[in-house]
N, C-alpha and C. Protein backbone atom coordinates (compact mmCIF):
# COMPACT_ATOMS: atom_id res chain seq x y z
N MET A 1 -38.03 32.17 -32.66
CA MET A 1 -37.95 30.90 -31.96
C MET A 1 -37.29 29.86 -32.87
N ALA A 2 -36.05 30.08 -33.22
CA ALA A 2 -35.34 29.15 -34.08
C ALA A 2 -35.25 27.78 -33.42
N GLY A 3 -35.36 26.76 -34.25
CA GLY A 3 -35.20 25.41 -33.75
C GLY A 3 -36.49 24.75 -33.31
N LEU A 4 -37.57 25.52 -33.16
CA LEU A 4 -38.84 24.91 -32.78
C LEU A 4 -39.50 24.32 -34.01
N ALA A 5 -40.14 23.20 -33.84
CA ALA A 5 -40.79 22.54 -34.96
C ALA A 5 -41.93 23.39 -35.49
N LEU A 6 -42.06 23.37 -36.78
CA LEU A 6 -43.16 24.09 -37.43
C LEU A 6 -44.43 23.27 -37.26
N ALA A 7 -45.51 23.94 -36.97
CA ALA A 7 -46.78 23.24 -36.84
C ALA A 7 -47.22 22.75 -38.21
N PRO A 8 -47.93 21.62 -38.27
CA PRO A 8 -48.43 21.14 -39.55
C PRO A 8 -49.24 22.24 -40.23
N GLY A 9 -48.93 22.48 -41.49
CA GLY A 9 -49.62 23.53 -42.23
C GLY A 9 -48.99 24.90 -42.08
N ALA A 10 -48.11 25.08 -41.08
CA ALA A 10 -47.44 26.37 -40.91
C ALA A 10 -46.44 26.56 -42.05
N LEU A 11 -46.41 27.75 -42.58
CA LEU A 11 -45.50 28.02 -43.67
C LEU A 11 -44.16 28.51 -43.14
N PRO A 12 -43.10 27.82 -43.48
CA PRO A 12 -41.78 28.33 -43.13
C PRO A 12 -41.46 29.54 -44.01
N ARG A 13 -40.50 30.34 -43.59
CA ARG A 13 -40.09 31.48 -44.40
C ARG A 13 -39.20 31.04 -45.55
N SER A 14 -38.48 29.92 -45.35
CA SER A 14 -37.57 29.44 -46.39
C SER A 14 -37.50 27.91 -46.35
N ILE A 15 -37.49 27.32 -47.55
CA ILE A 15 -37.47 25.86 -47.69
C ILE A 15 -36.37 25.48 -48.67
N LEU A 16 -35.60 24.47 -48.30
CA LEU A 16 -34.62 23.88 -49.22
C LEU A 16 -35.04 22.45 -49.49
N PHE A 17 -35.19 22.11 -50.76
CA PHE A 17 -35.42 20.72 -51.17
C PHE A 17 -34.05 20.14 -51.52
N LEU A 18 -33.70 19.02 -50.90
CA LEU A 18 -32.37 18.46 -51.04
C LEU A 18 -32.46 17.00 -51.50
N CYS A 19 -31.71 16.66 -52.55
CA CYS A 19 -31.64 15.27 -52.99
C CYS A 19 -30.20 14.95 -53.34
N GLY A 20 -29.99 13.86 -54.04
CA GLY A 20 -28.63 13.41 -54.31
C GLY A 20 -27.84 14.31 -55.23
N MET A 21 -28.39 14.63 -56.41
CA MET A 21 -27.62 15.38 -57.40
C MET A 21 -28.32 16.64 -57.91
N ASN A 22 -29.47 17.00 -57.34
CA ASN A 22 -30.19 18.20 -57.76
C ASN A 22 -30.48 18.20 -59.25
N ALA A 23 -30.78 17.02 -59.77
CA ALA A 23 -31.05 16.90 -61.20
C ALA A 23 -32.50 16.53 -61.49
N VAL A 24 -33.18 15.85 -60.55
CA VAL A 24 -34.53 15.37 -60.84
C VAL A 24 -35.51 15.77 -59.74
N ARG A 25 -35.43 15.13 -58.60
CA ARG A 25 -36.45 15.31 -57.56
C ARG A 25 -36.46 16.70 -56.94
N SER A 26 -35.31 17.18 -56.50
CA SER A 26 -35.32 18.48 -55.81
C SER A 26 -35.62 19.66 -56.72
N PRO A 27 -35.11 19.72 -57.97
CA PRO A 27 -35.53 20.86 -58.80
C PRO A 27 -37.01 20.80 -59.18
N MET A 28 -37.53 19.57 -59.32
CA MET A 28 -38.96 19.42 -59.61
C MET A 28 -39.77 19.94 -58.42
N ALA A 29 -39.37 19.55 -57.21
CA ALA A 29 -40.07 20.01 -56.01
C ALA A 29 -39.97 21.52 -55.86
N GLU A 30 -38.80 22.07 -56.16
CA GLU A 30 -38.61 23.52 -56.07
C GLU A 30 -39.58 24.27 -56.97
N GLN A 31 -39.68 23.86 -58.22
CA GLN A 31 -40.56 24.55 -59.16
C GLN A 31 -42.03 24.40 -58.77
N LEU A 32 -42.42 23.20 -58.35
CA LEU A 32 -43.81 22.99 -57.92
C LEU A 32 -44.13 23.84 -56.70
N ALA A 33 -43.22 23.87 -55.73
CA ALA A 33 -43.46 24.65 -54.50
C ALA A 33 -43.52 26.14 -54.81
N ARG A 34 -42.69 26.61 -55.71
CA ARG A 34 -42.72 28.03 -56.07
C ARG A 34 -44.08 28.42 -56.63
N ARG A 35 -44.69 27.51 -57.39
CA ARG A 35 -46.01 27.81 -57.95
C ARG A 35 -47.10 27.67 -56.89
N MET A 36 -46.97 26.71 -55.99
CA MET A 36 -48.05 26.39 -55.06
C MET A 36 -48.04 27.24 -53.79
N LEU A 37 -46.87 27.77 -53.41
CA LEU A 37 -46.75 28.51 -52.16
C LEU A 37 -46.74 30.01 -52.41
N PRO A 38 -47.07 30.80 -51.40
CA PRO A 38 -47.03 32.25 -51.57
C PRO A 38 -45.61 32.73 -51.90
N ALA A 39 -45.52 33.83 -52.61
CA ALA A 39 -44.22 34.38 -53.01
C ALA A 39 -43.38 34.80 -51.80
N THR A 40 -43.99 34.91 -50.64
CA THR A 40 -43.26 35.28 -49.42
C THR A 40 -42.39 34.15 -48.90
N VAL A 41 -42.60 32.94 -49.39
CA VAL A 41 -41.80 31.78 -48.96
C VAL A 41 -40.64 31.62 -49.96
N PHE A 42 -39.42 31.69 -49.45
CA PHE A 42 -38.23 31.49 -50.29
C PHE A 42 -38.04 29.99 -50.47
N VAL A 43 -37.92 29.56 -51.73
CA VAL A 43 -37.78 28.14 -52.05
C VAL A 43 -36.52 27.95 -52.90
N ALA A 44 -35.72 26.96 -52.54
CA ALA A 44 -34.51 26.62 -53.29
C ALA A 44 -34.33 25.11 -53.30
N SER A 45 -33.39 24.65 -54.11
CA SER A 45 -33.06 23.23 -54.12
C SER A 45 -31.56 23.06 -54.36
N ALA A 46 -31.07 21.92 -53.91
CA ALA A 46 -29.65 21.61 -54.09
C ALA A 46 -29.48 20.10 -53.98
N GLY A 47 -28.27 19.65 -54.30
CA GLY A 47 -27.93 18.25 -54.18
C GLY A 47 -26.74 18.06 -53.27
N VAL A 48 -26.56 16.84 -52.81
CA VAL A 48 -25.38 16.52 -52.02
C VAL A 48 -24.15 16.67 -52.91
N ARG A 49 -24.30 16.29 -54.17
CA ARG A 49 -23.25 16.50 -55.18
C ARG A 49 -23.94 16.97 -56.46
N ALA A 50 -23.19 17.58 -57.34
CA ALA A 50 -23.78 18.12 -58.58
C ALA A 50 -24.00 17.01 -59.60
N GLY A 51 -25.14 17.06 -60.25
CA GLY A 51 -25.45 16.12 -61.32
C GLY A 51 -25.55 16.85 -62.65
N GLU A 52 -26.11 16.18 -63.62
CA GLU A 52 -26.34 16.76 -64.94
C GLU A 52 -27.82 17.04 -65.12
N ARG A 53 -28.14 18.10 -65.81
CA ARG A 53 -29.54 18.43 -66.07
C ARG A 53 -30.19 17.28 -66.82
N ASP A 54 -31.43 16.96 -66.45
CA ASP A 54 -32.15 15.81 -66.99
C ASP A 54 -33.27 16.31 -67.90
N PRO A 55 -33.23 15.98 -69.20
CA PRO A 55 -34.26 16.48 -70.12
C PRO A 55 -35.67 15.97 -69.81
N PHE A 56 -35.79 14.84 -69.13
CA PHE A 56 -37.13 14.36 -68.77
C PHE A 56 -37.77 15.26 -67.72
N VAL A 57 -36.97 15.86 -66.85
CA VAL A 57 -37.49 16.82 -65.87
C VAL A 57 -38.07 18.02 -66.61
N ASP A 58 -37.32 18.51 -67.60
CA ASP A 58 -37.83 19.64 -68.40
C ASP A 58 -39.16 19.28 -69.05
N ALA A 59 -39.26 18.06 -69.57
CA ALA A 59 -40.47 17.64 -70.27
C ALA A 59 -41.67 17.55 -69.33
N VAL A 60 -41.51 16.95 -68.15
CA VAL A 60 -42.67 16.80 -67.26
C VAL A 60 -43.04 18.13 -66.59
N LEU A 61 -42.06 19.01 -66.39
CA LEU A 61 -42.40 20.34 -65.86
C LEU A 61 -43.13 21.16 -66.93
N ALA A 62 -42.72 21.02 -68.18
CA ALA A 62 -43.38 21.75 -69.27
C ALA A 62 -44.86 21.37 -69.36
N GLU A 63 -45.17 20.10 -69.07
CA GLU A 63 -46.57 19.68 -69.08
C GLU A 63 -47.40 20.44 -68.05
N GLU A 64 -46.74 20.97 -67.02
CA GLU A 64 -47.41 21.74 -65.97
C GLU A 64 -47.27 23.24 -66.19
N GLY A 65 -46.66 23.63 -67.30
CA GLY A 65 -46.44 25.04 -67.58
C GLY A 65 -45.29 25.62 -66.78
N LEU A 66 -44.37 24.76 -66.33
CA LEU A 66 -43.22 25.19 -65.53
C LEU A 66 -41.93 24.96 -66.31
N THR A 67 -40.89 25.67 -65.91
CA THR A 67 -39.59 25.51 -66.56
C THR A 67 -38.47 25.73 -65.54
N LEU A 68 -37.34 25.09 -65.80
CA LEU A 68 -36.15 25.34 -65.00
C LEU A 68 -35.37 26.53 -65.55
N GLY A 69 -35.76 27.01 -66.73
CA GLY A 69 -35.04 28.12 -67.34
C GLY A 69 -33.60 27.74 -67.61
N GLU A 70 -32.70 28.61 -67.23
CA GLU A 70 -31.26 28.36 -67.44
C GLU A 70 -30.61 27.67 -66.24
N ARG A 71 -31.41 27.30 -65.27
CA ARG A 71 -30.89 26.72 -64.03
C ARG A 71 -30.25 25.34 -64.27
N HIS A 72 -29.13 25.11 -63.61
CA HIS A 72 -28.44 23.83 -63.69
C HIS A 72 -28.27 23.26 -62.29
N PRO A 73 -28.07 21.94 -62.18
CA PRO A 73 -27.90 21.34 -60.85
C PRO A 73 -26.80 22.02 -60.05
N ARG A 74 -27.06 22.14 -58.74
CA ARG A 74 -26.09 22.78 -57.85
C ARG A 74 -26.03 22.04 -56.53
N THR A 75 -24.95 22.28 -55.81
CA THR A 75 -24.77 21.68 -54.50
C THR A 75 -25.08 22.73 -53.43
N MET A 76 -25.10 22.30 -52.21
CA MET A 76 -25.34 23.25 -51.11
C MET A 76 -24.25 24.32 -51.06
N ASP A 77 -23.04 23.97 -51.44
CA ASP A 77 -21.95 24.95 -51.47
C ASP A 77 -22.19 26.06 -52.48
N ASP A 78 -23.01 25.78 -53.50
CA ASP A 78 -23.30 26.76 -54.54
C ASP A 78 -24.37 27.77 -54.12
N LEU A 79 -25.09 27.49 -53.04
CA LEU A 79 -26.17 28.37 -52.61
C LEU A 79 -25.62 29.66 -52.02
N GLU A 80 -26.30 30.77 -52.30
CA GLU A 80 -25.88 32.06 -51.75
C GLU A 80 -26.12 32.13 -50.25
N ASP A 81 -27.18 31.50 -49.79
CA ASP A 81 -27.52 31.51 -48.37
C ASP A 81 -27.69 30.07 -47.93
N ASP A 82 -27.17 29.72 -46.77
CA ASP A 82 -27.30 28.34 -46.33
C ASP A 82 -28.18 28.20 -45.10
N TYR A 83 -28.95 29.24 -44.78
CA TYR A 83 -29.88 29.11 -43.66
C TYR A 83 -31.29 28.93 -44.21
N PHE A 84 -31.95 27.88 -43.77
CA PHE A 84 -33.33 27.62 -44.15
C PHE A 84 -34.10 27.24 -42.90
N ASP A 85 -35.39 27.58 -42.86
CA ASP A 85 -36.24 27.16 -41.76
C ASP A 85 -36.53 25.67 -41.84
N LEU A 86 -36.61 25.16 -43.07
CA LEU A 86 -36.99 23.76 -43.30
C LEU A 86 -36.16 23.20 -44.44
N ILE A 87 -35.59 22.04 -44.22
CA ILE A 87 -34.94 21.28 -45.29
C ILE A 87 -35.77 20.02 -45.50
N VAL A 88 -36.26 19.86 -46.72
CA VAL A 88 -37.01 18.67 -47.09
C VAL A 88 -36.07 17.78 -47.89
N THR A 89 -35.77 16.61 -47.35
CA THR A 89 -34.87 15.68 -48.04
C THR A 89 -35.69 14.66 -48.80
N LEU A 90 -35.22 14.32 -49.99
CA LEU A 90 -35.97 13.45 -50.89
C LEU A 90 -35.26 12.13 -51.17
N ALA A 91 -34.05 11.97 -50.61
CA ALA A 91 -33.26 10.76 -50.82
C ALA A 91 -32.48 10.46 -49.53
N PRO A 92 -32.17 9.20 -49.27
CA PRO A 92 -31.47 8.85 -48.02
C PRO A 92 -30.16 9.61 -47.81
N GLU A 93 -29.32 9.73 -48.84
CA GLU A 93 -28.04 10.42 -48.65
C GLU A 93 -28.25 11.89 -48.34
N ALA A 94 -29.29 12.48 -48.91
CA ALA A 94 -29.59 13.88 -48.63
C ALA A 94 -30.07 14.03 -47.18
N HIS A 95 -30.83 13.06 -46.72
CA HIS A 95 -31.33 13.12 -45.35
C HIS A 95 -30.16 13.05 -44.37
N HIS A 96 -29.24 12.17 -44.62
CA HIS A 96 -28.05 12.05 -43.76
C HIS A 96 -27.29 13.38 -43.73
N THR A 97 -27.10 14.00 -44.89
CA THR A 97 -26.39 15.28 -44.98
C THR A 97 -27.12 16.36 -44.20
N ALA A 98 -28.44 16.41 -44.35
CA ALA A 98 -29.23 17.43 -43.64
C ALA A 98 -29.16 17.23 -42.13
N LEU A 99 -29.22 15.99 -41.69
CA LEU A 99 -29.13 15.73 -40.25
C LEU A 99 -27.78 16.16 -39.69
N GLU A 100 -26.73 16.05 -40.47
CA GLU A 100 -25.42 16.54 -40.05
C GLU A 100 -25.47 18.05 -39.83
N LEU A 101 -26.22 18.76 -40.67
CA LEU A 101 -26.34 20.22 -40.53
C LEU A 101 -27.02 20.61 -39.23
N THR A 102 -27.91 19.76 -38.73
CA THR A 102 -28.64 20.10 -37.51
C THR A 102 -27.72 20.14 -36.29
N ARG A 103 -26.52 19.63 -36.44
CA ARG A 103 -25.54 19.70 -35.34
C ARG A 103 -25.11 21.14 -35.09
N SER A 104 -25.07 21.95 -36.17
CA SER A 104 -24.58 23.32 -36.04
C SER A 104 -25.63 24.38 -36.37
N LEU A 105 -26.75 23.99 -36.96
CA LEU A 105 -27.79 24.94 -37.32
C LEU A 105 -29.13 24.51 -36.72
N ALA A 106 -29.91 25.49 -36.31
CA ALA A 106 -31.27 25.20 -35.83
C ALA A 106 -32.18 25.17 -37.05
N VAL A 107 -32.38 24.00 -37.60
CA VAL A 107 -33.19 23.85 -38.80
C VAL A 107 -34.03 22.59 -38.66
N GLU A 108 -35.25 22.67 -39.13
CA GLU A 108 -36.11 21.49 -39.13
C GLU A 108 -35.84 20.69 -40.40
N VAL A 109 -35.82 19.37 -40.27
CA VAL A 109 -35.58 18.49 -41.41
C VAL A 109 -36.75 17.52 -41.50
N GLU A 110 -37.28 17.38 -42.70
CA GLU A 110 -38.34 16.40 -42.97
C GLU A 110 -37.86 15.49 -44.09
N TYR A 111 -38.07 14.20 -43.93
CA TYR A 111 -37.70 13.23 -44.96
C TYR A 111 -38.95 12.80 -45.71
N TRP A 112 -38.95 13.08 -47.01
CA TRP A 112 -40.03 12.65 -47.89
C TRP A 112 -39.44 11.63 -48.86
N PRO A 113 -39.44 10.34 -48.51
CA PRO A 113 -38.87 9.34 -49.43
C PRO A 113 -39.55 9.44 -50.79
N THR A 114 -38.76 9.65 -51.81
CA THR A 114 -39.28 9.86 -53.16
C THR A 114 -38.50 8.97 -54.12
N PRO A 115 -39.20 8.17 -54.93
CA PRO A 115 -38.49 7.27 -55.84
C PRO A 115 -37.66 8.06 -56.86
N ASP A 116 -36.58 7.44 -57.28
CA ASP A 116 -35.71 8.02 -58.31
C ASP A 116 -36.12 7.46 -59.66
N PRO A 117 -36.69 8.29 -60.55
CA PRO A 117 -37.18 7.77 -61.82
C PRO A 117 -36.09 7.52 -62.86
N THR A 118 -34.84 7.87 -62.55
CA THR A 118 -33.79 7.74 -63.56
C THR A 118 -33.48 6.28 -63.90
N GLY A 119 -33.91 5.36 -63.08
CA GLY A 119 -33.69 3.95 -63.37
C GLY A 119 -34.77 3.33 -64.25
N ALA A 120 -35.79 4.12 -64.57
CA ALA A 120 -36.89 3.60 -65.40
C ALA A 120 -36.37 3.29 -66.80
N GLY A 121 -36.85 2.19 -67.32
CA GLY A 121 -36.47 1.80 -68.68
C GLY A 121 -37.70 1.68 -69.56
N GLY A 122 -37.48 1.16 -70.74
CA GLY A 122 -38.59 0.95 -71.65
C GLY A 122 -38.69 2.06 -72.68
N THR A 123 -39.90 2.27 -73.14
CA THR A 123 -40.13 3.29 -74.15
C THR A 123 -40.05 4.68 -73.53
N ARG A 124 -39.99 5.69 -74.38
CA ARG A 124 -39.97 7.07 -73.89
C ARG A 124 -41.21 7.32 -73.03
N GLU A 125 -42.35 6.81 -73.46
CA GLU A 125 -43.59 7.03 -72.71
C GLU A 125 -43.54 6.35 -71.34
N GLN A 126 -42.93 5.18 -71.25
CA GLN A 126 -42.79 4.50 -69.95
C GLN A 126 -41.86 5.29 -69.02
N ILE A 127 -40.80 5.83 -69.57
CA ILE A 127 -39.88 6.65 -68.78
C ILE A 127 -40.60 7.93 -68.32
N MET A 128 -41.32 8.56 -69.24
CA MET A 128 -42.07 9.78 -68.89
C MET A 128 -43.08 9.48 -67.79
N ALA A 129 -43.70 8.31 -67.84
CA ALA A 129 -44.68 7.93 -66.81
C ALA A 129 -44.01 7.88 -65.43
N ALA A 130 -42.79 7.38 -65.36
CA ALA A 130 -42.07 7.32 -64.08
C ALA A 130 -41.78 8.74 -63.56
N TYR A 131 -41.39 9.64 -64.44
CA TYR A 131 -41.11 11.03 -64.05
C TYR A 131 -42.41 11.74 -63.66
N ARG A 132 -43.49 11.48 -64.40
CA ARG A 132 -44.78 12.07 -64.04
C ARG A 132 -45.24 11.61 -62.67
N ASP A 133 -45.00 10.34 -62.37
CA ASP A 133 -45.37 9.80 -61.07
C ASP A 133 -44.66 10.56 -59.95
N VAL A 134 -43.39 10.82 -60.11
CA VAL A 134 -42.63 11.58 -59.12
C VAL A 134 -43.19 13.00 -59.01
N ARG A 135 -43.45 13.63 -60.15
CA ARG A 135 -44.03 14.98 -60.15
C ARG A 135 -45.34 15.01 -59.38
N GLU A 136 -46.21 14.07 -59.64
CA GLU A 136 -47.52 14.04 -58.98
C GLU A 136 -47.40 13.75 -57.49
N ARG A 137 -46.47 12.86 -57.12
CA ARG A 137 -46.24 12.58 -55.69
C ARG A 137 -45.76 13.85 -54.97
N LEU A 138 -44.84 14.56 -55.60
CA LEU A 138 -44.31 15.79 -54.99
C LEU A 138 -45.40 16.86 -54.90
N LYS A 139 -46.18 17.00 -55.94
CA LYS A 139 -47.26 17.99 -55.93
C LYS A 139 -48.24 17.70 -54.80
N ALA A 140 -48.62 16.44 -54.65
CA ALA A 140 -49.56 16.05 -53.60
C ALA A 140 -48.95 16.27 -52.22
N ARG A 141 -47.69 15.92 -52.05
CA ARG A 141 -47.05 16.07 -50.74
C ARG A 141 -46.89 17.53 -50.35
N ILE A 142 -46.50 18.36 -51.31
CA ILE A 142 -46.37 19.80 -51.05
C ILE A 142 -47.74 20.36 -50.67
N GLY A 143 -48.76 19.96 -51.42
CA GLY A 143 -50.11 20.44 -51.12
C GLY A 143 -50.58 20.04 -49.74
N ARG A 144 -50.34 18.78 -49.36
CA ARG A 144 -50.75 18.31 -48.02
C ARG A 144 -49.96 18.99 -46.92
N ARG A 145 -48.66 19.10 -47.10
CA ARG A 145 -47.80 19.61 -46.03
C ARG A 145 -48.00 21.11 -45.78
N PHE A 146 -48.25 21.86 -46.84
CA PHE A 146 -48.30 23.31 -46.69
C PHE A 146 -49.69 23.89 -46.91
N ALA A 147 -50.72 23.04 -46.86
CA ALA A 147 -52.09 23.52 -47.02
C ALA A 147 -52.46 24.41 -45.84
N PRO A 148 -53.14 25.52 -46.11
CA PRO A 148 -53.61 26.34 -44.98
C PRO A 148 -54.50 25.50 -44.08
N PRO A 149 -54.46 25.71 -42.76
CA PRO A 149 -55.23 24.88 -41.83
C PRO A 149 -56.72 24.76 -42.20
N GLU A 150 -57.32 25.84 -42.68
CA GLU A 150 -58.75 25.76 -43.01
C GLU A 150 -58.97 24.90 -44.26
N ALA A 151 -57.95 24.76 -45.12
CA ALA A 151 -58.10 23.94 -46.31
C ALA A 151 -57.82 22.47 -46.02
N ALA A 152 -57.29 22.17 -44.86
CA ALA A 152 -56.91 20.80 -44.54
C ALA A 152 -58.09 19.96 -44.04
N ASP A 153 -59.27 20.54 -43.95
CA ASP A 153 -60.44 19.80 -43.46
C ASP A 153 -60.77 18.62 -44.33
């Protein structure tokens, strides 16, 4: 039943996290979702355009025991497969791009407005706090959105 909305808590078979440059929010969401969701759910991330790898992302993921490994930012054109049951957009430009895809693909799109921590200034600890905030917001949102129905009580 392609094109039908997924019920709250229903697990899609495949999820794409999409943001502007696939450097901060979407790779963070991808790694968190891979840990939190069953291995049967395919999870990927991409950007509207390619960015540069962000060392603060590596640092806040390491605090959770996660890593990007050798992975570098990529665009949707770089993906091996472009069909997903669900595209979660994390930035306005990504949401616009995903909505354009719905013209030709039966895919559900959800917009999760997520702040961009790259504008944070101050000390290293203040910058890390901004990145941690994004990580925690994504972790909570993934947990709420994909919690099994019996766990959602």
